[in-house]
Amino acid sequence: MSNKVANKSLIITLLLVSSFVLQAQKVGLVLSGGAAKGIAHIGVMKALEENDIPIDYVVGTSMGAVVGSLYAAGFSPEEIEAIVTNLTSKTGSMEYLQNAINTTILNRKTMLHG
């Protein structure tokens, strides 16, 4: 009788341990502020995608928040790079960048939803 209890305990323990092992890891991307760092984060996102590492959570501050919010909204790292580099090189104004991002997002929603 004690062998049956031990076997059941072993099976339950193995099932519990295997359920923890089989759970996928989550990846959180934390992006800091600063224009140069914000643009550098785009390279990190590209590298993660190239290595098939999915990003589950994105948080950021200042320029990192701008880059992170574009990624969370569905923009690819290449699209984000084009938006950020083209706009900042032409204007250098964060207000202009914000307006351009808003316009891009609205245009994308219009294209998707008619």
N, C-alpha and C. Protein backbone atom coordinates (compact mmCIF):
# COMPACT_ATOMS: atom_id res chain seq x y z
N MET A 1 0.81 -1.19 0.00
CA MET A 1 0.00 0.00 0.00
C MET A 1 0.86 1.26 0.00
N SER A 2 1.96 1.26 0.70
CA SER A 2 2.82 2.43 0.74
C SER A 2 3.50 2.67 -0.61
N ASN A 3 3.73 1.60 -1.39
CA ASN A 3 4.29 1.77 -2.73
C ASN A 3 3.32 2.51 -3.64
N LYS A 4 2.02 2.21 -3.51
CA LYS A 4 1.01 2.89 -4.34
C LYS A 4 0.95 4.37 -3.99
N VAL A 5 1.04 4.70 -2.71
CA VAL A 5 1.02 6.09 -2.27
C VAL A 5 2.27 6.80 -2.77
N ALA A 6 3.41 6.14 -2.67
CA ALA A 6 4.67 6.73 -3.13
C ALA A 6 4.64 6.95 -4.63
N ASN A 7 4.10 5.98 -5.38
CA ASN A 7 4.01 6.11 -6.84
C ASN A 7 3.08 7.26 -7.23
N LYS A 8 1.94 7.37 -6.54
CA LYS A 8 1.01 8.47 -6.83
C LYS A 8 1.65 9.82 -6.51
N SER A 9 2.36 9.87 -5.40
CA SER A 9 3.05 11.11 -5.02
C SER A 9 4.10 11.48 -6.04
N LEU A 10 4.83 10.50 -6.53
CA LEU A 10 5.86 10.73 -7.53
C LEU A 10 5.23 11.24 -8.84
N ILE A 11 4.14 10.63 -9.25
CA ILE A 11 3.47 11.04 -10.48
C ILE A 11 2.94 12.47 -10.35
N ILE A 12 2.33 12.78 -9.24
CA ILE A 12 1.81 14.14 -9.02
C ILE A 12 2.94 15.15 -9.01
N THR A 13 4.03 14.81 -8.34
CA THR A 13 5.19 15.70 -8.30
C THR A 13 5.75 15.93 -9.70
N LEU A 14 5.89 14.89 -10.49
CA LEU A 14 6.40 15.02 -11.86
C LEU A 14 5.48 15.86 -12.73
N LEU A 15 4.19 15.70 -12.57
CA LEU A 15 3.23 16.51 -13.34
C LEU A 15 3.34 17.98 -12.97
N LEU A 16 3.46 18.26 -11.68
CA LEU A 16 3.59 19.65 -11.24
C LEU A 16 4.88 20.28 -11.75
N VAL A 17 5.98 19.55 -11.65
CA VAL A 17 7.27 20.07 -12.10
C VAL A 17 7.25 20.28 -13.61
N SER A 18 6.70 19.35 -14.36
CA SER A 18 6.68 19.48 -15.81
C SER A 18 5.81 20.64 -16.25
N SER A 19 4.76 20.95 -15.51
CA SER A 19 3.92 22.09 -15.89
C SER A 19 4.68 23.41 -15.74
N PHE A 20 5.57 23.49 -14.77
CA PHE A 20 6.39 24.70 -14.61
C PHE A 20 7.44 24.79 -15.72
N VAL A 21 8.00 23.66 -16.09
CA VAL A 21 9.05 23.64 -17.12
C VAL A 21 8.46 23.98 -18.49
N LEU A 22 7.26 23.53 -18.77
CA LEU A 22 6.65 23.72 -20.08
C LEU A 22 6.12 25.14 -20.31
N GLN A 23 5.99 25.93 -19.27
CA GLN A 23 5.51 27.29 -19.45
C GLN A 23 6.56 28.12 -20.18
N ALA A 24 6.10 28.88 -21.17
CA ALA A 24 7.03 29.71 -21.94
C ALA A 24 7.47 30.91 -21.11
N GLN A 25 8.70 31.31 -21.34
CA GLN A 25 9.21 32.50 -20.66
C GLN A 25 8.61 33.73 -21.32
N LYS A 26 8.48 34.78 -20.56
CA LYS A 26 7.99 36.06 -21.07
C LYS A 26 9.16 37.02 -21.19
N VAL A 27 9.14 37.84 -22.23
CA VAL A 27 10.21 38.81 -22.47
C VAL A 27 9.63 40.21 -22.32
N GLY A 28 10.24 40.98 -21.42
CA GLY A 28 9.86 42.38 -21.24
C GLY A 28 10.97 43.27 -21.76
N LEU A 29 10.61 44.23 -22.57
CA LEU A 29 11.59 45.16 -23.13
C LEU A 29 11.44 46.50 -22.43
N VAL A 30 12.50 46.95 -21.77
CA VAL A 30 12.51 48.20 -21.02
C VAL A 30 13.37 49.20 -21.78
N LEU A 31 12.76 50.31 -22.22
CA LEU A 31 13.45 51.29 -23.05
C LEU A 31 13.64 52.59 -22.27
N SER A 32 14.87 53.08 -22.26
CA SER A 32 15.17 54.30 -21.51
C SER A 32 14.98 55.53 -22.36
N GLY A 33 15.16 56.68 -21.75
CA GLY A 33 14.98 57.96 -22.44
C GLY A 33 16.23 58.44 -23.13
N GLY A 34 16.08 59.53 -23.85
CA GLY A 34 17.19 60.11 -24.60
C GLY A 34 17.05 59.78 -26.07
N ALA A 35 17.20 60.77 -26.92
CA ALA A 35 16.97 60.59 -28.35
C ALA A 35 17.89 59.53 -28.94
N ALA A 36 19.19 59.61 -28.66
CA ALA A 36 20.13 58.64 -29.23
C ALA A 36 19.85 57.24 -28.73
N LYS A 37 19.58 57.11 -27.44
CA LYS A 37 19.27 55.79 -26.89
C LYS A 37 17.96 55.27 -27.46
N GLY A 38 16.99 56.15 -27.61
CA GLY A 38 15.70 55.75 -28.17
C GLY A 38 15.84 55.17 -29.55
N ILE A 39 16.68 55.78 -30.35
CA ILE A 39 16.91 55.27 -31.70
C ILE A 39 17.71 53.97 -31.64
N ALA A 40 18.64 53.86 -30.70
CA ALA A 40 19.43 52.64 -30.55
C ALA A 40 18.56 51.45 -30.14
N HIS A 41 17.47 51.71 -29.42
CA HIS A 41 16.57 50.64 -29.02
C HIS A 41 15.97 49.93 -30.23
N ILE A 42 15.84 50.64 -31.33
CA ILE A 42 15.27 50.04 -32.53
C ILE A 42 16.14 48.88 -32.99
N GLY A 43 17.45 49.03 -32.89
CA GLY A 43 18.38 47.95 -33.24
C GLY A 43 18.20 46.73 -32.36
N VAL A 44 17.91 46.95 -31.09
CA VAL A 44 17.67 45.84 -30.17
C VAL A 44 16.40 45.09 -30.59
N MET A 45 15.36 45.85 -30.94
CA MET A 45 14.11 45.21 -31.38
C MET A 45 14.34 44.39 -32.65
N LYS A 46 15.14 44.93 -33.57
CA LYS A 46 15.47 44.19 -34.80
C LYS A 46 16.18 42.88 -34.46
N ALA A 47 17.16 42.95 -33.57
CA ALA A 47 17.92 41.76 -33.19
C ALA A 47 17.03 40.72 -32.53
N LEU A 48 16.11 41.15 -31.68
CA LEU A 48 15.20 40.21 -31.04
C LEU A 48 14.31 39.53 -32.08
N GLU A 49 13.79 40.31 -33.03
CA GLU A 49 12.95 39.72 -34.08
C GLU A 49 13.75 38.77 -34.97
N GLU A 50 14.97 39.14 -35.34
CA GLU A 50 15.81 38.29 -36.19
C GLU A 50 16.12 36.95 -35.53
N ASN A 51 16.14 36.94 -34.20
CA ASN A 51 16.41 35.70 -33.45
C ASN A 51 15.13 35.04 -32.95
N ASP A 52 14.00 35.45 -33.50
CA ASP A 52 12.69 34.87 -33.15
C ASP A 52 12.40 34.90 -31.66
N ILE A 53 12.76 36.00 -31.02
CA ILE A 53 12.46 36.19 -29.60
C ILE A 53 11.28 37.15 -29.52
N PRO A 54 10.11 36.63 -29.15
CA PRO A 54 8.92 37.50 -29.10
C PRO A 54 8.99 38.46 -27.91
N ILE A 55 8.49 39.65 -28.10
CA ILE A 55 8.44 40.65 -27.03
C ILE A 55 7.02 40.66 -26.49
N ASP A 56 6.88 40.34 -25.20
CA ASP A 56 5.55 40.25 -24.58
C ASP A 56 5.13 41.55 -23.92
N TYR A 57 6.09 42.28 -23.38
CA TYR A 57 5.79 43.52 -22.67
C TYR A 57 6.77 44.60 -23.11
N VAL A 58 6.26 45.82 -23.26
CA VAL A 58 7.12 46.95 -23.63
C VAL A 58 6.83 48.11 -22.69
N VAL A 59 7.87 48.66 -22.07
CA VAL A 59 7.74 49.86 -21.26
C VAL A 59 8.87 50.81 -21.62
N GLY A 60 8.63 52.09 -21.48
CA GLY A 60 9.68 53.04 -21.80
C GLY A 60 9.41 54.40 -21.21
N THR A 61 10.43 55.22 -21.23
CA THR A 61 10.32 56.59 -20.77
C THR A 61 10.88 57.51 -21.84
N SER A 62 10.28 58.68 -22.00
CA SER A 62 10.72 59.68 -22.96
C SER A 62 10.78 59.08 -24.36
N MET A 63 11.92 59.16 -25.03
CA MET A 63 12.02 58.63 -26.38
C MET A 63 11.80 57.13 -26.42
N GLY A 64 12.18 56.44 -25.35
CA GLY A 64 11.92 55.00 -25.27
C GLY A 64 10.43 54.70 -25.27
N ALA A 65 9.64 55.59 -24.67
CA ALA A 65 8.19 55.42 -24.68
C ALA A 65 7.62 55.65 -26.07
N VAL A 66 8.19 56.60 -26.81
CA VAL A 66 7.74 56.86 -28.17
C VAL A 66 8.01 55.63 -29.03
N VAL A 67 9.24 55.13 -28.98
CA VAL A 67 9.63 53.96 -29.77
C VAL A 67 8.81 52.73 -29.33
N GLY A 68 8.69 52.54 -28.03
CA GLY A 68 7.94 51.40 -27.50
C GLY A 68 6.47 51.43 -27.85
N SER A 69 5.87 52.62 -27.82
CA SER A 69 4.44 52.71 -28.15
C SER A 69 4.20 52.44 -29.63
N LEU A 70 5.13 52.87 -30.48
CA LEU A 70 5.00 52.55 -31.91
C LEU A 70 5.09 51.04 -32.14
N TYR A 71 6.02 50.39 -31.44
CA TYR A 71 6.15 48.94 -31.57
C TYR A 71 4.90 48.24 -31.05
N ALA A 72 4.40 48.70 -29.91
CA ALA A 72 3.19 48.09 -29.34
C ALA A 72 1.97 48.32 -30.23
N ALA A 73 1.99 49.41 -31.01
CA ALA A 73 0.88 49.70 -31.92
C ALA A 73 0.96 48.88 -33.21
N GLY A 74 2.03 48.10 -33.37
CA GLY A 74 2.12 47.22 -34.52
C GLY A 74 3.11 47.63 -35.59
N PHE A 75 3.84 48.70 -35.37
CA PHE A 75 4.85 49.12 -36.34
C PHE A 75 6.06 48.20 -36.24
N SER A 76 6.67 47.88 -37.35
CA SER A 76 7.89 47.07 -37.35
C SER A 76 9.07 47.96 -36.96
N PRO A 77 10.16 47.35 -36.50
CA PRO A 77 11.35 48.17 -36.19
C PRO A 77 11.82 48.99 -37.40
N GLU A 78 11.70 48.43 -38.59
CA GLU A 78 12.11 49.17 -39.79
C GLU A 78 11.23 50.40 -40.01
N GLU A 79 9.92 50.25 -39.80
CA GLU A 79 9.00 51.39 -39.94
C GLU A 79 9.30 52.46 -38.89
N ILE A 80 9.56 52.02 -37.68
CA ILE A 80 9.86 52.96 -36.59
C ILE A 80 11.14 53.71 -36.90
N GLU A 81 12.15 53.00 -37.38
CA GLU A 81 13.41 53.63 -37.72
C GLU A 81 13.21 54.69 -38.80
N ALA A 82 12.42 54.38 -39.82
CA ALA A 82 12.17 55.34 -40.89
C ALA A 82 11.44 56.58 -40.36
N ILE A 83 10.45 56.37 -39.51
CA ILE A 83 9.69 57.49 -38.95
C ILE A 83 10.61 58.38 -38.11
N VAL A 84 11.32 57.77 -37.18
CA VAL A 84 12.13 58.54 -36.24
C VAL A 84 13.29 59.24 -36.93
N THR A 85 14.04 58.54 -37.77
CA THR A 85 15.21 59.16 -38.38
C THR A 85 14.82 60.23 -39.39
N ASN A 86 13.78 60.00 -40.18
CA ASN A 86 13.37 61.01 -41.16
C ASN A 86 12.85 62.27 -40.48
N LEU A 87 12.05 62.10 -39.46
CA LEU A 87 11.44 63.27 -38.82
C LEU A 87 12.43 64.05 -37.97
N THR A 88 13.25 63.34 -37.21
CA THR A 88 14.18 64.07 -36.35
C THR A 88 15.29 64.74 -37.15
N SER A 89 15.68 64.16 -38.28
CA SER A 89 16.72 64.79 -39.09
C SER A 89 16.20 66.04 -39.79
N LYS A 90 14.91 66.06 -40.12
CA LYS A 90 14.34 67.21 -40.81
C LYS A 90 14.01 68.36 -39.87
N THR A 91 13.55 68.02 -38.67
CA THR A 91 13.00 69.07 -37.82
C THR A 91 13.74 69.24 -36.50
N GLY A 92 14.13 68.12 -35.90
CA GLY A 92 14.74 68.18 -34.58
C GLY A 92 13.74 68.53 -33.49
N SER A 93 12.47 68.60 -33.84
CA SER A 93 11.43 69.00 -32.89
C SER A 93 10.62 67.79 -32.46
N MET A 94 10.57 67.55 -31.14
CA MET A 94 9.77 66.44 -30.62
C MET A 94 8.28 66.68 -30.85
N GLU A 95 7.84 67.94 -30.83
CA GLU A 95 6.42 68.24 -31.08
C GLU A 95 6.06 67.84 -32.51
N TYR A 96 6.94 68.15 -33.45
CA TYR A 96 6.69 67.77 -34.84
C TYR A 96 6.68 66.25 -34.97
N LEU A 97 7.59 65.59 -34.27
CA LEU A 97 7.65 64.12 -34.29
C LEU A 97 6.35 63.54 -33.76
N GLN A 98 5.85 64.07 -32.65
CA GLN A 98 4.60 63.57 -32.08
C GLN A 98 3.44 63.75 -33.03
N ASN A 99 3.34 64.92 -33.66
CA ASN A 99 2.26 65.16 -34.62
C ASN A 99 2.35 64.21 -35.81
N ALA A 100 3.56 63.97 -36.29
CA ALA A 100 3.75 63.07 -37.42
C ALA A 100 3.37 61.63 -37.05
N ILE A 101 3.71 61.23 -35.83
CA ILE A 101 3.36 59.88 -35.37
C ILE A 101 1.84 59.75 -35.27
N ASN A 102 1.19 60.75 -34.70
CA ASN A 102 -0.26 60.71 -34.61
C ASN A 102 -0.90 60.61 -35.99
N THR A 103 -0.40 61.39 -36.94
CA THR A 103 -0.93 61.36 -38.30
C THR A 103 -0.72 59.99 -38.92
N THR A 104 0.46 59.40 -38.72
CA THR A 104 0.76 58.07 -39.27
C THR A 104 -0.18 57.04 -38.68
N ILE A 105 -0.41 57.09 -37.39
CA ILE A 105 -1.31 56.13 -36.74
C ILE A 105 -2.73 56.30 -37.24
N LEU A 106 -3.19 57.54 -37.37
CA LEU A 106 -4.54 57.77 -37.89
C LEU A 106 -4.69 57.27 -39.32
N ASN A 107 -3.67 57.51 -40.16
CA ASN A 107 -3.71 57.02 -41.54
C ASN A 107 -3.75 55.49 -41.57
N ARG A 108 -3.01 54.86 -40.69
CA ARG A 108 -2.99 53.40 -40.64
C ARG A 108 -4.36 52.86 -40.23
N LYS A 109 -4.99 53.49 -39.22
CA LYS A 109 -6.31 53.06 -38.78
C LYS A 109 -7.32 53.24 -39.91
N THR A 110 -7.22 54.35 -40.64
CA THR A 110 -8.14 54.59 -41.75
C THR A 110 -7.99 53.52 -42.83
N MET A 111 -6.74 53.16 -43.12
CA MET A 111 -6.49 52.13 -44.14
C MET A 111 -7.03 50.78 -43.69
N LEU A 112 -6.92 50.46 -42.41
CA LEU A 112 -7.38 49.17 -41.90
C LEU A 112 -8.89 49.10 -41.75
N HIS A 113 -9.50 50.19 -41.34
CA HIS A 113 -10.93 50.17 -41.02
C HIS A 113 -11.80 50.91 -42.02
N GLY A 114 -11.20 51.48 -43.05
CA GLY A 114 -11.96 52.16 -44.11
C GLY A 114 -12.40 53.47 -43.71
